[in-house]
Amino acid sequence: MNIYLLENPNTSREYDVVVGFVIAAPHWSAARKMASEEAGNEGPKIWMNITKTNCRRIGTANDPTAEGIVLRSLGGKPPVFRAISQIAGKPVREKYRSG
C-alpha cells in the first residue's frame, strides 16, 4: 500500500476548505477518490482534477492492508489539522514509514 500526499494550492483562509491529505491507497487514482469523498467547501471535483491539485507518492505502508485517510488538513488561521485514525485504530507512527 502506497502513501500519497495530496495538496490543494489554494491559499484560502476559509476554515472549511481542505488544503491537503495524507492517504494510504493502492494507486494515486484511489487516493484522489478518497480525498474527493472527504472534501470541504472547496468541493469534491477539485481533488479529481490533476491540474488543480497535486498528488505524489511519499512512502509505503508497513501494513499492506492499511487503506484510508491518515491526515486531513484544513485551511484557516491558524491552520487546523485533523488526524483521522481509521486504520486499525493504531497511531500513524506505528503504521507507516517514509520511503
N, C-alpha and C. Protein backbone atom coordinates (compact mmCIF):
# COMPACT_ATOMS: atom_id res chain seq x y z
N MET A 1 0.85 -1.18 0.00
CA MET A 1 0.00 0.00 0.00
C MET A 1 0.90 1.24 0.00
N ASN A 2 0.62 2.17 -0.89
CA ASN A 2 1.38 3.41 -1.00
C ASN A 2 0.78 4.50 -0.12
N ILE A 3 1.61 5.49 0.18
CA ILE A 3 1.15 6.66 0.93
C ILE A 3 1.31 7.86 0.01
N TYR A 4 0.22 8.61 -0.14
CA TYR A 4 0.20 9.76 -1.05
C TYR A 4 -0.04 11.05 -0.28
N LEU A 5 0.61 12.12 -0.73
CA LEU A 5 0.36 13.47 -0.25
C LEU A 5 -0.41 14.20 -1.34
N LEU A 6 -1.60 14.66 -1.00
CA LEU A 6 -2.42 15.44 -1.94
C LEU A 6 -2.48 16.86 -1.41
N GLU A 7 -2.22 17.82 -2.29
CA GLU A 7 -2.19 19.22 -1.88
C GLU A 7 -3.08 20.08 -2.77
N ASN A 8 -3.81 20.96 -2.13
CA ASN A 8 -4.63 21.96 -2.80
C ASN A 8 -3.87 23.27 -2.68
N PRO A 9 -3.32 23.80 -3.78
CA PRO A 9 -2.53 25.02 -3.67
C PRO A 9 -3.33 26.26 -3.31
N ASN A 10 -4.65 26.12 -3.13
CA ASN A 10 -5.50 27.22 -2.71
C ASN A 10 -4.97 27.76 -1.38
N THR A 11 -4.72 29.03 -1.32
CA THR A 11 -4.20 29.64 -0.09
C THR A 11 -5.32 30.30 0.72
N SER A 12 -6.52 29.80 0.56
CA SER A 12 -7.68 30.37 1.24
C SER A 12 -7.51 30.36 2.76
N ARG A 13 -8.04 31.38 3.38
CA ARG A 13 -8.06 31.46 4.85
C ARG A 13 -9.39 30.95 5.39
N GLU A 14 -10.23 30.45 4.49
CA GLU A 14 -11.53 29.92 4.89
C GLU A 14 -11.31 28.63 5.69
N TYR A 15 -12.04 28.48 6.80
CA TYR A 15 -11.81 27.35 7.69
C TYR A 15 -12.25 26.00 7.15
N ASP A 16 -13.28 25.93 6.38
CA ASP A 16 -13.78 24.63 5.94
C ASP A 16 -13.30 24.24 4.54
N VAL A 17 -12.12 24.72 4.17
CA VAL A 17 -11.51 24.36 2.90
C VAL A 17 -10.35 23.42 3.21
N VAL A 18 -10.34 22.24 2.61
CA VAL A 18 -9.25 21.29 2.83
C VAL A 18 -8.09 21.69 1.94
N VAL A 19 -6.90 21.78 2.53
CA VAL A 19 -5.71 22.15 1.77
C VAL A 19 -4.78 20.96 1.53
N GLY A 20 -5.05 19.84 2.18
CA GLY A 20 -4.20 18.68 1.95
C GLY A 20 -4.67 17.43 2.65
N PHE A 21 -4.19 16.29 2.16
CA PHE A 21 -4.46 14.98 2.73
C PHE A 21 -3.19 14.15 2.71
N VAL A 22 -3.08 13.23 3.64
CA VAL A 22 -2.14 12.11 3.55
C VAL A 22 -3.04 10.88 3.52
N ILE A 23 -2.88 10.06 2.47
CA ILE A 23 -3.79 8.93 2.25
C ILE A 23 -3.01 7.68 1.90
N ALA A 24 -3.37 6.56 2.53
CA ALA A 24 -2.83 5.25 2.17
C ALA A 24 -3.78 4.64 1.15
N ALA A 25 -3.24 4.33 -0.03
CA ALA A 25 -4.06 3.79 -1.12
C ALA A 25 -3.19 2.96 -2.05
N PRO A 26 -3.80 2.03 -2.79
CA PRO A 26 -3.02 1.21 -3.70
C PRO A 26 -2.53 1.97 -4.94
N HIS A 27 -3.21 3.06 -5.30
CA HIS A 27 -2.90 3.80 -6.53
C HIS A 27 -3.30 5.25 -6.35
N TRP A 28 -2.67 6.15 -7.10
CA TRP A 28 -2.97 7.58 -6.96
C TRP A 28 -4.43 7.89 -7.25
N SER A 29 -5.05 7.16 -8.17
CA SER A 29 -6.45 7.45 -8.51
C SER A 29 -7.37 7.10 -7.33
N ALA A 30 -7.04 6.05 -6.59
CA ALA A 30 -7.81 5.69 -5.40
C ALA A 30 -7.64 6.75 -4.31
N ALA A 31 -6.43 7.29 -4.19
CA ALA A 31 -6.17 8.36 -3.21
C ALA A 31 -6.98 9.60 -3.56
N ARG A 32 -7.03 9.96 -4.83
CA ARG A 32 -7.81 11.12 -5.26
C ARG A 32 -9.30 10.92 -5.00
N LYS A 33 -9.78 9.72 -5.23
CA LYS A 33 -11.20 9.43 -4.99
C LYS A 33 -11.54 9.57 -3.51
N MET A 34 -10.67 9.03 -2.63
CA MET A 34 -10.90 9.16 -1.19
C MET A 34 -10.91 10.62 -0.77
N ALA A 35 -9.99 11.41 -1.32
CA ALA A 35 -9.94 12.84 -1.00
C ALA A 35 -11.22 13.54 -1.44
N SER A 36 -11.71 13.19 -2.63
CA SER A 36 -12.93 13.84 -3.12
C SER A 36 -14.13 13.52 -2.24
N GLU A 37 -14.13 12.35 -1.63
CA GLU A 37 -15.24 11.94 -0.76
C GLU A 37 -15.19 12.64 0.61
N GLU A 38 -14.05 13.22 0.96
CA GLU A 38 -13.90 13.92 2.24
C GLU A 38 -13.62 15.41 2.06
N ALA A 39 -13.99 15.94 0.91
CA ALA A 39 -13.74 17.36 0.61
C ALA A 39 -14.52 18.27 1.55
N GLY A 40 -14.03 19.49 1.66
CA GLY A 40 -14.72 20.52 2.42
C GLY A 40 -15.44 21.46 1.47
N ASN A 41 -15.43 22.75 1.79
CA ASN A 41 -16.12 23.75 0.98
C ASN A 41 -15.50 23.95 -0.41
N GLU A 42 -14.30 23.43 -0.61
CA GLU A 42 -13.68 23.54 -1.94
C GLU A 42 -14.37 22.65 -2.97
N GLY A 43 -15.12 21.65 -2.49
CA GLY A 43 -15.87 20.75 -3.37
C GLY A 43 -15.07 19.53 -3.76
N PRO A 44 -15.75 18.44 -4.08
CA PRO A 44 -15.06 17.19 -4.38
C PRO A 44 -14.35 17.16 -5.73
N LYS A 45 -14.81 17.93 -6.69
CA LYS A 45 -14.24 17.87 -8.05
C LYS A 45 -12.78 18.29 -8.10
N ILE A 46 -12.39 19.21 -7.22
CA ILE A 46 -11.01 19.71 -7.26
C ILE A 46 -10.00 18.59 -7.01
N TRP A 47 -10.36 17.61 -6.17
CA TRP A 47 -9.42 16.53 -5.83
C TRP A 47 -9.26 15.52 -6.95
N MET A 48 -10.19 15.49 -7.88
CA MET A 48 -10.08 14.60 -9.05
C MET A 48 -9.39 15.29 -10.23
N ASN A 49 -9.18 16.59 -10.12
CA ASN A 49 -8.62 17.39 -11.21
C ASN A 49 -7.10 17.50 -11.05
N ILE A 50 -6.35 16.87 -11.96
CA ILE A 50 -4.89 16.85 -11.85
C ILE A 50 -4.25 18.21 -12.15
N THR A 51 -4.99 19.15 -12.70
CA THR A 51 -4.44 20.48 -12.96
C THR A 51 -4.66 21.45 -11.80
N LYS A 52 -5.54 21.08 -10.85
CA LYS A 52 -5.84 21.98 -9.73
C LYS A 52 -5.29 21.50 -8.40
N THR A 53 -4.95 20.22 -8.28
CA THR A 53 -4.37 19.68 -7.05
C THR A 53 -3.19 18.78 -7.38
N ASN A 54 -2.28 18.66 -6.43
CA ASN A 54 -1.09 17.82 -6.60
C ASN A 54 -1.26 16.52 -5.84
N CYS A 55 -0.74 15.44 -6.40
CA CYS A 55 -0.77 14.14 -5.74
C CYS A 55 0.56 13.46 -6.00
N ARG A 56 1.29 13.14 -4.91
CA ARG A 56 2.56 12.44 -5.10
C ARG A 56 2.75 11.37 -4.04
N ARG A 57 3.41 10.30 -4.44
CA ARG A 57 3.69 9.19 -3.54
C ARG A 57 4.83 9.61 -2.62
N ILE A 58 4.62 9.45 -1.30
CA ILE A 58 5.65 9.86 -0.34
C ILE A 58 6.17 8.69 0.50
N GLY A 59 5.60 7.50 0.33
CA GLY A 59 6.07 6.38 1.12
C GLY A 59 5.26 5.12 0.88
N THR A 60 5.55 4.13 1.72
CA THR A 60 4.88 2.84 1.65
C THR A 60 4.42 2.46 3.04
N ALA A 61 3.22 1.92 3.14
CA ALA A 61 2.69 1.49 4.44
C ALA A 61 3.34 0.17 4.84
N ASN A 62 3.64 0.01 6.11
CA ASN A 62 4.18 -1.25 6.61
C ASN A 62 3.13 -2.35 6.52
N ASP A 63 1.88 -2.01 6.74
CA ASP A 63 0.78 -2.96 6.70
C ASP A 63 0.14 -2.88 5.31
N PRO A 64 0.29 -3.92 4.47
CA PRO A 64 -0.23 -3.85 3.12
C PRO A 64 -1.75 -3.78 3.02
N THR A 65 -2.45 -4.06 4.10
CA THR A 65 -3.92 -4.00 4.07
C THR A 65 -4.44 -2.64 4.51
N ALA A 66 -3.56 -1.78 5.03
CA ALA A 66 -3.97 -0.46 5.52
C ALA A 66 -4.37 0.43 4.36
N GLU A 67 -5.58 0.97 4.41
CA GLU A 67 -6.05 1.87 3.36
C GLU A 67 -6.97 2.90 3.99
N GLY A 68 -6.80 4.16 3.61
CA GLY A 68 -7.68 5.21 4.12
C GLY A 68 -6.97 6.52 4.36
N ILE A 69 -7.73 7.47 4.85
CA ILE A 69 -7.20 8.81 5.12
C ILE A 69 -6.46 8.79 6.45
N VAL A 70 -5.22 9.25 6.42
CA VAL A 70 -4.39 9.32 7.62
C VAL A 70 -4.46 10.72 8.22
N LEU A 71 -4.45 11.75 7.36
CA LEU A 71 -4.44 13.13 7.83
C LEU A 71 -5.24 13.99 6.86
N ARG A 72 -6.03 14.89 7.41
CA ARG A 72 -6.80 15.87 6.63
C ARG A 72 -6.47 17.24 7.17
N SER A 73 -5.94 18.12 6.33
CA SER A 73 -5.50 19.44 6.76
C SER A 73 -6.45 20.50 6.23
N LEU A 74 -6.99 21.30 7.14
CA LEU A 74 -7.93 22.36 6.77
C LEU A 74 -7.24 23.71 6.75
N GLY A 75 -7.75 24.62 5.91
CA GLY A 75 -7.23 25.98 5.85
C GLY A 75 -7.69 26.77 7.07
N GLY A 76 -7.38 28.02 7.07
CA GLY A 76 -7.77 28.87 8.19
C GLY A 76 -6.56 29.49 8.84
N LYS A 77 -6.82 30.30 9.84
CA LYS A 77 -5.73 30.97 10.55
C LYS A 77 -5.97 30.82 12.04
N PRO A 78 -5.17 30.08 12.77
CA PRO A 78 -4.06 29.26 12.30
C PRO A 78 -4.55 28.00 11.61
N PRO A 79 -3.65 27.30 10.86
CA PRO A 79 -4.07 26.07 10.20
C PRO A 79 -4.62 25.05 11.18
N VAL A 80 -5.62 24.33 10.75
CA VAL A 80 -6.26 23.31 11.59
C VAL A 80 -5.94 21.95 10.99
N PHE A 81 -5.50 21.01 11.82
CA PHE A 81 -5.19 19.67 11.34
C PHE A 81 -6.11 18.67 12.00
N ARG A 82 -6.63 17.73 11.21
CA ARG A 82 -7.46 16.66 11.75
C ARG A 82 -6.82 15.33 11.39
N ALA A 83 -6.36 14.61 12.39
CA ALA A 83 -5.83 13.27 12.14
C ALA A 83 -7.00 12.30 12.19
N ILE A 84 -7.15 11.54 11.16
CA ILE A 84 -8.23 10.57 11.10
C ILE A 84 -7.60 9.19 11.20
N SER A 85 -7.75 8.57 12.35
CA SER A 85 -7.14 7.27 12.58
C SER A 85 -8.16 6.18 12.25
N GLN A 86 -8.26 5.87 10.96
CA GLN A 86 -9.24 4.89 10.51
C GLN A 86 -8.61 3.52 10.29
N ILE A 87 -7.31 3.46 10.41
CA ILE A 87 -6.63 2.23 10.03
C ILE A 87 -6.28 1.43 11.28
N ALA A 88 -7.13 0.49 11.62
CA ALA A 88 -6.93 -0.43 12.74
C ALA A 88 -6.75 0.25 14.09
N GLY A 89 -7.11 1.52 14.17
CA GLY A 89 -7.04 2.23 15.44
C GLY A 89 -5.64 2.43 15.98
N LYS A 90 -4.61 2.22 15.15
CA LYS A 90 -3.23 2.38 15.62
C LYS A 90 -2.71 3.76 15.23
N PRO A 91 -1.83 4.33 16.06
CA PRO A 91 -1.26 5.63 15.71
C PRO A 91 -0.50 5.56 14.40
N VAL A 92 -0.46 6.66 13.68
CA VAL A 92 0.19 6.72 12.38
C VAL A 92 1.65 6.28 12.46
N ARG A 93 2.36 6.69 13.51
CA ARG A 93 3.79 6.38 13.59
C ARG A 93 4.05 4.88 13.64
N GLU A 94 3.09 4.10 14.11
CA GLU A 94 3.28 2.65 14.16
C GLU A 94 2.91 1.97 12.84
N LYS A 95 2.10 2.63 12.03
CA LYS A 95 1.60 2.00 10.82
C LYS A 95 2.39 2.34 9.55
N TYR A 96 3.12 3.46 9.56
CA TYR A 96 3.73 3.91 8.33
C TYR A 96 5.20 4.25 8.52
N ARG A 97 5.90 4.16 7.42
CA ARG A 97 7.28 4.62 7.38
C ARG A 97 7.43 5.39 6.08
N SER A 98 8.32 6.37 6.06
CA SER A 98 8.55 7.08 4.81
C SER A 98 9.45 6.22 3.94
N GLY A 99 9.40 6.44 2.66
CA GLY A 99 10.23 5.61 1.81
C GLY A 99 10.35 5.99 0.44
